[in-house]
Amino acid sequence: MAYIDYYKILGVDKSATQDDIKKAYRKQARKLHPDLNPNDKEAEKQFKELNEANEVLSNPENRTKYDKYGENWKHGEEYEKAKQQYQNQNEGFAGDFSGADFGEGEDFSDFFQSMFGNEGGGLGRSSRGSASNKFKGRDIQADLNLDLKDAGKTQQQIFDINGKKVRITIPAGVHDGQQIKLKGHGNPGFNGGPSGDLYITFNISPNPDFERAGDDLKSKVIIDLYTAVLGGDVNIKTLEGSVKLKVKPETQNGTTVRLKGKGFPVYKKEGEFGDLFVTYEIKLPTNLTEKQKALFEQLKNS
C-alpha cells in the first residue's frame, strides 16, 4: 500500500505546530480551490488531498495515530486488538499473519493490506476458528462543494456509494471544511465485521457579496457623499433578498451597522441566526461643475 505523506502535502515538517498546519492549509487552499482553477483536474485532485491531509493533521488525536500508523491511522485500534490476540494465541494467525512479530516501529502497510485491503479480508483461517476475527470495513471519504447560499439552506443530496443510492439531508448552516459521518455507509466489513463509515467534507465557495465569520456575515455597501452627510435610504443585500436601511446623517466612512438575525443559520438550531454586519464605504463625487466646487468652497470657509 503506497504511503501518503500528509506533512509533505501541506508543506510542513513533523515538528510543525497546529498553528503552522492551519496557516499552511489556508495558504494552499487559496491557490488550489476549484473556483480559482475551473476544469483543472490536477488542481482538483490536489485540493482533495490537501483537505484530507488537513483533516488528519489538524486534529491532535488523529495526528498522533497517523504518526504511528501512517495512512492506516483509522484502523489503529483494530491493529492493536489483532496484535494482542496474536500474542495470546499459541498457534497465531495462519496465512497472511504467519510469522508476524507486530514489533513497535514496524511499517504497518503489509499488515493493514492483509486486514483491510483485499476483498474478503485476506485473513487466513486457523484451527481455532479465526472466522471470529471480525474487522470493520474501510471508511469512505467524499467531498461536497456548496456555494454560501446553498449552505444556508436545509437540502437533500444523493450519493452513489458502492452501487447504492444514499440520500442525506444537509442541515442549514454547515461550515467550510466541516465533516459529517454516516455510520455504516462505507465499504463492507470482513469476516462478518461491520461496514465502514462514510465521511463527507463540505467545501463552501467564497461569495462575492458576503464574508462569513462563524454564524455572522459581513458585507460592504457604497453610499454617496450626500447620503452620508444628509442621511437617507440604502438597499442592503441579505441571504433572503434586499432590505432597505436608513442611513443616519453625518455617517462616517467605515461605519458598521448590525442587522440582527440577518446572518447565517446556526447549524442544527432551527430558527436561530447570526447577525449581518454592514460597513459603509463613502464614494466621493467626481467631475464636479464649477458651481458645485464653489458650494464646497463655501462649506469649507463657513
C-alpha atoms as a PDB file:
ATOM      1  CA  MET A   1       0.000   0.000   0.000  1.00  0.00           C
ATOM      2  CA  ALA A   2       1.504   3.344  -1.047  1.00  0.00           C
ATOM      3  CA  TYR A   3       2.319   5.667   1.815  1.00  0.00           C
ATOM      4  CA  ILE A   4       0.642   9.086   1.725  1.00  0.00           C
ATOM      5  CA  ASP A   5       2.762  11.790   3.348  1.00  0.00           C
ATOM      6  CA  TYR A   6       0.283  14.325   4.688  1.00  0.00           C
ATOM      7  CA  TYR A   7       3.089  16.520   6.007  1.00  0.00           C
ATOM      8  CA  LYS A   8       4.565  16.770   2.509  1.00  0.00           C
ATOM      9  CA  ILE A   9       1.150  17.587   1.019  1.00  0.00           C
ATOM     10  CA  LEU A  10       0.747  20.508   3.470  1.00  0.00           C
ATOM     11  CA  GLY A  11       4.371  21.559   3.049  1.00  0.00           C
ATOM     12  CA  VAL A  12       5.287  21.311   6.744  1.00  0.00           C
ATOM     13  CA  ASP A  13       7.600  19.056   8.730  1.00  0.00           C
ATOM     14  CA  LYS A  14       6.640  16.683  11.523  1.00  0.00           C
ATOM     15  CA  SER A  15       7.543  19.223  14.204  1.00  0.00           C
ATOM     16  CA  ALA A  16       5.013  21.750  12.860  1.00  0.00           C
ATOM     17  CA  THR A  17       2.659  23.320  15.402  1.00  0.00           C
ATOM     18  CA  GLN A  18      -1.107  23.279  14.974  1.00  0.00           C
ATOM     19  CA  ASP A  19      -0.907  26.945  14.024  1.00  0.00           C
ATOM     20  CA  ASP A  20       1.718  26.128  11.350  1.00  0.00           C
ATOM     21  CA  ILE A  21      -0.588  23.467   9.916  1.00  0.00           C
ATOM     22  CA  LYS A  22      -3.552  25.838   9.913  1.00  0.00           C
ATOM     23  CA  LYS A  23      -1.598  28.549   8.097  1.00  0.00           C
ATOM     24  CA  ALA A  24      -0.142  26.098   5.566  1.00  0.00           C
ATOM     25  CA  TYR A  25      -3.596  24.708   4.794  1.00  0.00           C
ATOM     26  CA  ARG A  26      -5.160  28.132   4.281  1.00  0.00           C
ATOM     27  CA  LYS A  27      -2.301  29.267   2.043  1.00  0.00           C
ATOM     28  CA  GLN A  28      -2.548  26.258  -0.270  1.00  0.00           C
ATOM     29  CA  ALA A  29      -6.352  26.114  -0.184  1.00  0.00           C
ATOM     30  CA  ARG A  30      -6.480  29.629  -1.617  1.00  0.00           C
ATOM     31  CA  LYS A  31      -4.299  28.521  -4.550  1.00  0.00           C
ATOM     32  CA  LEU A  32      -5.993  25.182  -5.242  1.00  0.00           C
ATOM     33  CA  HIS A  33      -9.657  25.992  -4.629  1.00  0.00           C
ATOM     34  CA  PRO A  34     -11.848  24.690  -7.520  1.00  0.00           C
ATOM     35  CA  ASP A  35     -13.371  28.136  -8.065  1.00  0.00           C
ATOM     36  CA  LEU A  36      -9.936  29.511  -8.899  1.00  0.00           C
ATOM     37  CA  ASN A  37      -8.971  26.509 -11.039  1.00  0.00           C
ATOM     38  CA  PRO A  38     -12.061  25.621 -13.111  1.00  0.00           C
ATOM     39  CA  ASN A  39     -11.749  22.423 -15.174  1.00  0.00           C
ATOM     40  CA  ASP A  40      -8.277  21.762 -13.749  1.00  0.00           C
ATOM     41  CA  LYS A  41      -8.410  18.089 -12.758  1.00  0.00           C
ATOM     42  CA  GLU A  42      -4.915  18.099 -11.254  1.00  0.00           C
ATOM     43  CA  ALA A  43      -5.726  21.100  -9.040  1.00  0.00           C
ATOM     44  CA  GLU A  44      -8.979  19.400  -8.024  1.00  0.00           C
ATOM     45  CA  LYS A  45      -7.076  16.247  -7.068  1.00  0.00           C
ATOM     46  CA  GLN A  46      -4.504  18.234  -5.072  1.00  0.00           C
ATOM     47  CA  PHE A  47      -7.286  20.168  -3.321  1.00  0.00           C
ATOM     48  CA  LYS A  48      -8.897  16.905  -2.192  1.00  0.00           C
ATOM     49  CA  GLU A  49      -5.535  15.592  -0.969  1.00  0.00           C
ATOM     50  CA  LEU A  50      -4.964  18.880   0.860  1.00  0.00           C
ATOM     51  CA  ASN A  51      -8.333  18.628   2.653  1.00  0.00           C
ATOM     52  CA  GLU A  52      -7.625  15.027   3.591  1.00  0.00           C
ATOM     53  CA  ALA A  53      -4.212  15.937   4.996  1.00  0.00           C
ATOM     54  CA  ASN A  54      -5.656  18.861   6.966  1.00  0.00           C
ATOM     55  CA  GLU A  55      -8.482  16.718   8.350  1.00  0.00           C
ATOM     56  CA  VAL A  56      -5.934  14.357   9.880  1.00  0.00           C
ATOM     57  CA  LEU A  57      -3.110  16.665  10.977  1.00  0.00           C
ATOM     58  CA  SER A  58      -5.309  19.463  12.356  1.00  0.00           C
ATOM     59  CA  ASN A  59      -6.787  17.007  14.855  1.00  0.00           C
ATOM     60  CA  PRO A  60      -4.173  16.212  17.555  1.00  0.00           C
ATOM     61  CA  GLU A  61      -5.644  12.774  18.278  1.00  0.00           C
ATOM     62  CA  ASN A  62      -5.784  11.803  14.605  1.00  0.00           C
ATOM     63  CA  ARG A  63      -2.315  13.222  14.067  1.00  0.00           C
ATOM     64  CA  THR A  64      -0.879  11.005  16.824  1.00  0.00           C
ATOM     65  CA  LYS A  65      -2.465   7.938  15.215  1.00  0.00           C
ATOM     66  CA  TYR A  66      -1.187   8.981  11.785  1.00  0.00           C
ATOM     67  CA  ASP A  67       2.364   9.439  13.089  1.00  0.00           C
ATOM     68  CA  LYS A  68       2.236   5.861  14.423  1.00  0.00           C
ATOM     69  CA  TYR A  69       0.226   4.017  11.765  1.00  0.00           C
ATOM     70  CA  GLY A  70       0.641   6.150   8.629  1.00  0.00           C
ATOM     71  CA  GLU A  71      -2.262   6.353   6.197  1.00  0.00           C
ATOM     72  CA  ASN A  72      -3.949   3.458   8.011  1.00  0.00           C
ATOM     73  CA  TRP A  73      -4.385   5.541  11.160  1.00  0.00           C
ATOM     74  CA  LYS A  74      -8.140   4.934  11.290  1.00  0.00           C
ATOM     75  CA  HIS A  75      -7.568   1.218  11.843  1.00  0.00           C
ATOM     76  CA  GLY A  76      -5.074   1.624  14.681  1.00  0.00           C
ATOM     77  CA  GLU A  77      -7.427   0.181  17.297  1.00  0.00           C
ATOM     78  CA  GLU A  78      -8.142  -2.886  15.134  1.00  0.00           C
ATOM     79  CA  TYR A  79      -4.412  -3.363  14.717  1.00  0.00           C
ATOM     80  CA  GLU A  80      -3.773  -3.265  18.456  1.00  0.00           C
ATOM     81  CA  LYS A  81      -6.566  -5.777  19.080  1.00  0.00           C
ATOM     82  CA  ALA A  82      -5.219  -8.114  16.407  1.00  0.00           C
ATOM     83  CA  LYS A  83      -1.710  -7.718  17.796  1.00  0.00           C
ATOM     84  CA  GLN A  84      -2.834  -8.644  21.301  1.00  0.00           C
ATOM     85  CA  GLN A  85      -4.841 -11.604  20.065  1.00  0.00           C
ATOM     86  CA  TYR A  86      -1.879 -12.861  18.083  1.00  0.00           C
ATOM     87  CA  GLN A  87       0.393 -12.651  21.082  1.00  0.00           C
ATOM     88  CA  ASN A  88      -2.143 -14.534  23.248  1.00  0.00           C
ATOM     89  CA  GLN A  89      -2.558 -17.415  20.840  1.00  0.00           C
ATOM     90  CA  ASN A  90      -0.146 -20.320  20.626  1.00  0.00           C
ATOM     91  CA  GLU A  91      -0.863 -21.044  17.013  1.00  0.00           C
ATOM     92  CA  GLY A  92      -1.381 -17.433  15.934  1.00  0.00           C
ATOM     93  CA  PHE A  93      -2.943 -16.440  12.650  1.00  0.00           C
ATOM     94  CA  ALA A  94      -2.360 -18.559   9.582  1.00  0.00           C
ATOM     95  CA  GLY A  95      -1.786 -17.247   6.068  1.00  0.00           C
ATOM     96  CA  ASP A  96      -1.094 -13.528   5.822  1.00  0.00           C
ATOM     97  CA  PHE A  97      -0.298 -13.129   9.550  1.00  0.00           C
ATOM     98  CA  SER A  98       2.069 -16.098   9.956  1.00  0.00           C
ATOM     99  CA  GLY A  99       5.490 -15.083  11.205  1.00  0.00           C
ATOM    100  CA  ALA A 100       4.392 -11.557  12.051  1.00  0.00           C
ATOM    101  CA  ASP A 101       6.062 -10.103  15.113  1.00  0.00           C
ATOM    102  CA  PHE A 102       3.989  -6.915  15.367  1.00  0.00           C
ATOM    103  CA  GLY A 103       7.020  -5.070  16.708  1.00  0.00           C
ATOM    104  CA  GLU A 104       6.932  -1.413  17.599  1.00  0.00           C
ATOM    105  CA  GLY A 105       8.107   0.926  14.872  1.00  0.00           C
ATOM    106  CA  GLU A 106       7.235  -1.546  12.096  1.00  0.00           C
ATOM    107  CA  ASP A 107       5.910  -0.398   8.737  1.00  0.00           C
ATOM    108  CA  PHE A 108       2.273  -1.487   9.074  1.00  0.00           C
ATOM    109  CA  SER A 109       1.471  -1.323   5.344  1.00  0.00           C
ATOM    110  CA  ASP A 110       1.548  -5.075   4.645  1.00  0.00           C
ATOM    111  CA  PHE A 111      -0.364  -5.838   7.820  1.00  0.00           C
ATOM    112  CA  PHE A 112      -3.119  -3.357   7.031  1.00  0.00           C
ATOM    113  CA  GLN A 113      -3.274  -4.533   3.436  1.00  0.00           C
ATOM    114  CA  SER A 114      -3.932  -8.014   4.770  1.00  0.00           C
ATOM    115  CA  MET A 115      -6.589  -6.767   7.172  1.00  0.00           C
ATOM    116  CA  PHE A 116      -8.358  -4.169   5.089  1.00  0.00           C
ATOM    117  CA  GLY A 117      -7.020  -4.017   1.546  1.00  0.00           C
ATOM    118  CA  ASN A 118      -8.307  -7.215  -0.056  1.00  0.00           C
ATOM    119  CA  GLU A 119     -11.822  -8.342  -0.838  1.00  0.00           C
ATOM    120  CA  GLY A 120     -12.763 -10.980   1.707  1.00  0.00           C
ATOM    121  CA  GLY A 121     -10.324  -9.502   4.202  1.00  0.00           C
ATOM    122  CA  GLY A 122      -7.238 -11.542   3.233  1.00  0.00           C
ATOM    123  CA  LEU A 123      -7.339 -13.298   6.593  1.00  0.00           C
ATOM    124  CA  GLY A 124      -6.085 -16.866   6.865  1.00  0.00           C
ATOM    125  CA  ARG A 125      -8.009 -19.349   8.994  1.00  0.00           C
ATOM    126  CA  SER A 126      -6.512 -21.294  11.862  1.00  0.00           C
ATOM    127  CA  SER A 127      -7.725 -24.418  13.607  1.00  0.00           C
ATOM    128  CA  ARG A 128      -9.028 -22.147  16.374  1.00  0.00           C
ATOM    129  CA  GLY A 129     -11.622 -20.619  14.045  1.00  0.00           C
ATOM    130  CA  SER A 130     -10.292 -17.182  13.078  1.00  0.00           C
ATOM    131  CA  ALA A 131     -13.652 -16.513  11.429  1.00  0.00           C
ATOM    132  CA  SER A 132     -14.416 -14.794  14.736  1.00  0.00           C
ATOM    133  CA  ASN A 133     -11.799 -12.154  13.873  1.00  0.00           C
ATOM    134  CA  LYS A 134     -14.246  -9.583  12.556  1.00  0.00           C
ATOM    135  CA  PHE A 135     -12.884  -6.358  11.162  1.00  0.00           C
ATOM    136  CA  LYS A 136     -14.621  -3.171  10.234  1.00  0.00           C
ATOM    137  CA  GLY A 137     -14.658  -2.255   6.542  1.00  0.00           C
ATOM    138  CA  ARG A 138     -12.795   0.698   5.131  1.00  0.00           C
ATOM    139  CA  ASP A 139     -14.221   4.168   5.590  1.00  0.00           C
ATOM    140  CA  ILE A 140     -15.004   6.243   2.503  1.00  0.00           C
ATOM    141  CA  GLN A 141     -14.112   9.908   2.111  1.00  0.00           C
ATOM    142  CA  ALA A 142     -16.233  12.186  -0.079  1.00  0.00           C
ATOM    143  CA  ASP A 143     -16.257  15.917  -0.789  1.00  0.00           C
ATOM    144  CA  LEU A 144     -19.342  18.031  -1.409  1.00  0.00           C
ATOM    145  CA  ASN A 145     -18.990  21.504  -2.921  1.00  0.00           C
ATOM    146  CA  LEU A 146     -21.597  24.118  -1.976  1.00  0.00           C
ATOM    147  CA  ASP A 147     -21.871  27.839  -2.508  1.00  0.00           C
ATOM    148  CA  LEU A 148     -22.583  30.024   0.503  1.00  0.00           C
ATOM    149  CA  LYS A 149     -26.275  30.482  -0.233  1.00  0.00           C
ATOM    150  CA  ASP A 150     -26.825  26.738  -0.659  1.00  0.00           C
ATOM    151  CA  ALA A 151     -25.043  26.115   2.643  1.00  0.00           C
ATOM    152  CA  GLY A 152     -27.606  28.426   4.234  1.00  0.00           C
ATOM    153  CA  LYS A 153     -30.498  26.119   3.279  1.00  0.00           C
ATOM    154  CA  THR A 154     -31.515  22.677   4.524  1.00  0.00           C
ATOM    155  CA  GLN A 155     -31.357  20.401   1.494  1.00  0.00           C
ATOM    156  CA  GLN A 156     -31.069  16.816   0.333  1.00  0.00           C
ATOM    157  CA  GLN A 157     -28.237  15.261  -1.681  1.00  0.00           C
ATOM    158  CA  ILE A 158     -27.875  11.788  -3.184  1.00  0.00           C
ATOM    159  CA  PHE A 159     -24.570   9.884  -3.173  1.00  0.00           C
ATOM    160  CA  ASP A 160     -23.813   6.724  -5.147  1.00  0.00           C
ATOM    161  CA  ILE A 161     -21.882   4.526  -2.700  1.00  0.00           C
ATOM    162  CA  ASN A 162     -20.874   1.003  -3.718  1.00  0.00           C
ATOM    163  CA  GLY A 163     -23.697   0.942  -6.245  1.00  0.00           C
ATOM    164  CA  LYS A 164     -26.300   2.070  -3.720  1.00  0.00           C
ATOM    165  CA  LYS A 165     -28.088   5.413  -3.652  1.00  0.00           C
ATOM    166  CA  VAL A 166     -27.656   7.132  -0.298  1.00  0.00           C
ATOM    167  CA  ARG A 167     -29.891  10.137   0.346  1.00  0.00           C
ATOM    168  CA  ILE A 168     -28.753  12.532   3.071  1.00  0.00           C
ATOM    169  CA  THR A 169     -30.255  15.688   4.488  1.00  0.00           C
ATOM    170  CA  ILE A 170     -27.782  18.531   4.924  1.00  0.00           C
ATOM    171  CA  PRO A 171     -28.856  20.918   7.691  1.00  0.00           C
ATOM    172  CA  ALA A 172     -28.580  24.631   7.023  1.00  0.00           C
ATOM    173  CA  GLY A 173     -25.504  26.286   8.493  1.00  0.00           C
ATOM    174  CA  VAL A 174     -22.726  23.821   7.623  1.00  0.00           C
ATOM    175  CA  HIS A 175     -19.222  25.302   7.715  1.00  0.00           C
ATOM    176  CA  ASP A 176     -16.406  25.150   5.191  1.00  0.00           C
ATOM    177  CA  GLY A 177     -14.261  22.119   5.987  1.00  0.00           C
ATOM    178  CA  GLN A 178     -16.907  20.628   8.292  1.00  0.00           C
ATOM    179  CA  GLN A 179     -17.159  16.848   8.151  1.00  0.00           C
ATOM    180  CA  ILE A 180     -20.119  14.615   8.923  1.00  0.00           C
ATOM    181  CA  LYS A 181     -20.161  10.842   9.383  1.00  0.00           C
ATOM    182  CA  LEU A 182     -22.750   8.423   8.047  1.00  0.00           C
ATOM    183  CA  LYS A 183     -22.266   5.294  10.094  1.00  0.00           C
ATOM    184  CA  GLY A 184     -22.228   2.033   8.154  1.00  0.00           C
ATOM    185  CA  HIS A 185     -22.196   3.556   4.656  1.00  0.00           C
ATOM    186  CA  GLY A 186     -18.546   2.718   3.928  1.00  0.00           C
ATOM    187  CA  ASN A 187     -17.047  -0.453   2.452  1.00  0.00           C
ATOM    188  CA  PRO A 188     -18.312  -3.841   3.705  1.00  0.00           C
ATOM    189  CA  GLY A 189     -16.628  -5.401   6.737  1.00  0.00           C
ATOM    190  CA  PHE A 190     -14.541  -8.571   6.706  1.00  0.00           C
ATOM    191  CA  ASN A 191     -15.399 -11.924   8.250  1.00  0.00           C
ATOM    192  CA  GLY A 192     -18.814 -10.600   9.181  1.00  0.00           C
ATOM    193  CA  GLY A 193     -17.495  -7.354  10.664  1.00  0.00           C
ATOM    194  CA  PRO A 194     -19.430  -4.071  10.424  1.00  0.00           C
ATOM    195  CA  SER A 195     -19.261  -1.841   7.365  1.00  0.00           C
ATOM    196  CA  GLY A 196     -17.049   1.219   7.427  1.00  0.00           C
ATOM    197  CA  ASP A 197     -18.410   4.743   7.633  1.00  0.00           C
ATOM    198  CA  LEU A 198     -18.897   7.479   5.052  1.00  0.00           C
ATOM    199  CA  TYR A 199     -17.225  10.795   5.843  1.00  0.00           C
ATOM    200  CA  ILE A 200     -18.445  13.812   3.877  1.00  0.00           C
ATOM    201  CA  THR A 201     -16.423  17.031   3.915  1.00  0.00           C
ATOM    202  CA  PHE A 202     -18.111  20.280   2.873  1.00  0.00           C
ATOM    203  CA  ASN A 203     -16.218  22.757   0.692  1.00  0.00           C
ATOM    204  CA  ILE A 204     -18.015  26.107   0.638  1.00  0.00           C
ATOM    205  CA  SER A 205     -17.091  28.528  -2.143  1.00  0.00           C
ATOM    206  CA  PRO A 206     -16.361  32.198  -1.380  1.00  0.00           C
ATOM    207  CA  ASN A 207     -19.252  34.591  -2.041  1.00  0.00           C
ATOM    208  CA  PRO A 208     -18.768  37.992  -3.720  1.00  0.00           C
ATOM    209  CA  ASP A 209     -21.379  39.695  -1.521  1.00  0.00           C
ATOM    210  CA  PHE A 210     -20.681  38.245   1.918  1.00  0.00           C
ATOM    211  CA  GLU A 211     -17.789  37.224   4.134  1.00  0.00           C
ATOM    212  CA  ARG A 212     -18.675  34.596   6.708  1.00  0.00           C
ATOM    213  CA  ALA A 213     -17.403  34.782  10.272  1.00  0.00           C
ATOM    214  CA  GLY A 214     -18.847  31.869  12.210  1.00  0.00           C
ATOM    215  CA  ASP A 215     -22.611  32.374  12.090  1.00  0.00           C
ATOM    216  CA  ASP A 216     -22.281  36.080  11.278  1.00  0.00           C
ATOM    217  CA  LEU A 217     -21.973  37.639   7.835  1.00  0.00           C
ATOM    218  CA  LYS A 218     -20.085  40.772   6.812  1.00  0.00           C
ATOM    219  CA  SER A 219     -20.740  42.938   3.778  1.00  0.00           C
ATOM    220  CA  LYS A 220     -19.870  46.350   2.383  1.00  0.00           C
ATOM    221  CA  VAL A 221     -22.146  48.893   0.726  1.00  0.00           C
ATOM    222  CA  ILE A 222     -21.161  52.055  -1.130  1.00  0.00           C
ATOM    223  CA  ILE A 223     -23.081  55.228  -0.325  1.00  0.00           C
ATOM    224  CA  ASP A 224     -22.632  58.648  -1.907  1.00  0.00           C
ATOM    225  CA  LEU A 225     -21.344  61.649  -0.033  1.00  0.00           C
ATOM    226  CA  TYR A 226     -24.710  63.370   0.044  1.00  0.00           C
ATOM    227  CA  THR A 227     -26.442  60.400   1.689  1.00  0.00           C
ATOM    228  CA  ALA A 228     -23.595  60.131   4.199  1.00  0.00           C
ATOM    229  CA  VAL A 229     -23.889  63.824   5.114  1.00  0.00           C
ATOM    230  CA  LEU A 230     -27.664  64.312   4.953  1.00  0.00           C
ATOM    231  CA  GLY A 231     -28.893  60.792   5.672  1.00  0.00           C
ATOM    232  CA  GLY A 232     -31.186  58.682   3.519  1.00  0.00           C
ATOM    233  CA  ASP A 233     -32.073  55.135   2.498  1.00  0.00           C
ATOM    234  CA  VAL A 234     -29.882  52.407   1.045  1.00  0.00           C
ATOM    235  CA  ASN A 235     -30.682  48.880  -0.166  1.00  0.00           C
ATOM    236  CA  ILE A 236     -28.756  46.106   1.576  1.00  0.00           C
ATOM    237  CA  LYS A 237     -28.342  42.551   0.265  1.00  0.00           C
ATOM    238  CA  THR A 238     -29.100  39.709   2.647  1.00  0.00           C
ATOM    239  CA  LEU A 239     -29.248  35.928   2.093  1.00  0.00           C
ATOM    240  CA  GLU A 240     -33.028  36.243   1.791  1.00  0.00           C
ATOM    241  CA  GLY A 241     -33.086  39.261  -0.539  1.00  0.00           C
ATOM    242  CA  SER A 242     -32.721  43.033  -0.259  1.00  0.00           C
ATOM    243  CA  VAL A 243     -33.849  45.187   2.667  1.00  0.00           C
ATOM    244  CA  LYS A 244     -33.985  48.956   2.988  1.00  0.00           C
ATOM    245  CA  LEU A 245     -31.808  50.512   5.665  1.00  0.00           C
ATOM    246  CA  LYS A 246     -31.846  54.091   6.931  1.00  0.00           C
ATOM    247  CA  VAL A 247     -28.508  55.906   6.917  1.00  0.00           C
ATOM    248  CA  LYS A 248     -28.097  58.407   9.734  1.00  0.00           C
ATOM    249  CA  PRO A 249     -26.997  61.959   8.862  1.00  0.00           C
ATOM    250  CA  GLU A 250     -23.250  62.640   9.194  1.00  0.00           C
ATOM    251  CA  THR A 251     -22.349  58.965   8.841  1.00  0.00           C
ATOM    252  CA  GLN A 252     -18.579  58.500   8.754  1.00  0.00           C
ATOM    253  CA  ASN A 253     -16.691  56.360   6.247  1.00  0.00           C
ATOM    254  CA  GLY A 254     -16.119  52.847   7.645  1.00  0.00           C
ATOM    255  CA  THR A 255     -19.143  52.976   9.957  1.00  0.00           C
ATOM    256  CA  THR A 256     -20.508  49.474  10.630  1.00  0.00           C
ATOM    257  CA  VAL A 257     -24.113  48.721  11.499  1.00  0.00           C
ATOM    258  CA  ARG A 258     -25.596  45.420  12.679  1.00  0.00           C
ATOM    259  CA  LEU A 259     -28.700  43.784  11.270  1.00  0.00           C
ATOM    260  CA  LYS A 260     -29.735  41.352  13.985  1.00  0.00           C
ATOM    261  CA  GLY A 261     -30.769  37.903  12.793  1.00  0.00           C
ATOM    262  CA  LYS A 262     -29.834  38.554   9.159  1.00  0.00           C
ATOM    263  CA  GLY A 263     -26.687  36.441   9.274  1.00  0.00           C
ATOM    264  CA  PHE A 264     -26.142  32.726   8.674  1.00  0.00           C
ATOM    265  CA  PRO A 265     -28.386  29.973  10.068  1.00  0.00           C
ATOM    266  CA  VAL A 266     -26.946  28.315  13.171  1.00  0.00           C
ATOM    267  CA  TYR A 267     -26.144  24.671  12.438  1.00  0.00           C
ATOM    268  CA  LYS A 268     -28.830  22.295  13.748  1.00  0.00           C
ATOM    269  CA  LYS A 269     -30.560  25.082  15.690  1.00  0.00           C
ATOM    270  CA  GLU A 270     -33.731  25.803  13.765  1.00  0.00           C
ATOM    271  CA  GLY A 271     -34.856  29.404  13.900  1.00  0.00           C
ATOM    272  CA  GLU A 272     -31.520  30.735  15.169  1.00  0.00           C
ATOM    273  CA  PHE A 273     -29.375  33.027  13.007  1.00  0.00           C
ATOM    274  CA  GLY A 274     -26.227  35.064  13.301  1.00  0.00           C
ATOM    275  CA  ASP A 275     -26.119  38.781  12.500  1.00  0.00           C
ATOM    276  CA  LEU A 276     -25.204  40.729   9.376  1.00  0.00           C
ATOM    277  CA  PHE A 277     -22.607  43.480   9.833  1.00  0.00           C
ATOM    278  CA  VAL A 278     -22.702  46.119   7.091  1.00  0.00           C
ATOM    279  CA  THR A 279     -19.832  48.559   6.622  1.00  0.00           C
ATOM    280  CA  TYR A 280     -20.416  51.832   4.758  1.00  0.00           C
ATOM    281  CA  GLU A 281     -17.900  52.958   2.166  1.00  0.00           C
ATOM    282  CA  ILE A 282     -18.437  56.569   1.103  1.00  0.00           C
ATOM    283  CA  LYS A 283     -17.850  57.362  -2.546  1.00  0.00           C
ATOM    284  CA  LEU A 284     -16.668  60.906  -3.186  1.00  0.00           C
ATOM    285  CA  PRO A 285     -18.203  62.766  -6.134  1.00  0.00           C
ATOM    286  CA  THR A 286     -16.120  63.264  -9.290  1.00  0.00           C
ATOM    287  CA  ASN A 287     -16.329  65.553 -12.345  1.00  0.00           C
ATOM    288  CA  LEU A 288     -17.726  68.424 -10.266  1.00  0.00           C
ATOM    289  CA  THR A 289     -19.007  71.512 -12.052  1.00  0.00           C
ATOM    290  CA  GLU A 290     -17.633  74.927 -11.181  1.00  0.00           C
ATOM    291  CA  LYS A 291     -20.846  75.708  -9.333  1.00  0.00           C
ATOM    292  CA  GLN A 292     -20.536  72.521  -7.246  1.00  0.00           C
ATOM    293  CA  LYS A 293     -16.921  73.291  -6.447  1.00  0.00           C
ATOM    294  CA  ALA A 294     -17.922  76.778  -5.362  1.00  0.00           C
ATOM    295  CA  LEU A 295     -20.503  75.321  -2.998  1.00  0.00           C
ATOM    296  CA  PHE A 296     -17.841  73.110  -1.433  1.00  0.00           C
ATOM    297  CA  GLU A 297     -15.599  76.149  -1.037  1.00  0.00           C
ATOM    298  CA  GLN A 298     -18.421  77.900   0.784  1.00  0.00           C
ATOM    299  CA  LEU A 299     -18.810  74.924   3.131  1.00  0.00           C
ATOM    300  CA  LYS A 300     -15.080  74.858   3.685  1.00  0.00           C
ATOM    301  CA  ASN A 301     -14.909  78.524   4.648  1.00  0.00           C
ATOM    302  CA  SER A 302     -18.135  78.669   6.653  1.00  0.00           C
END
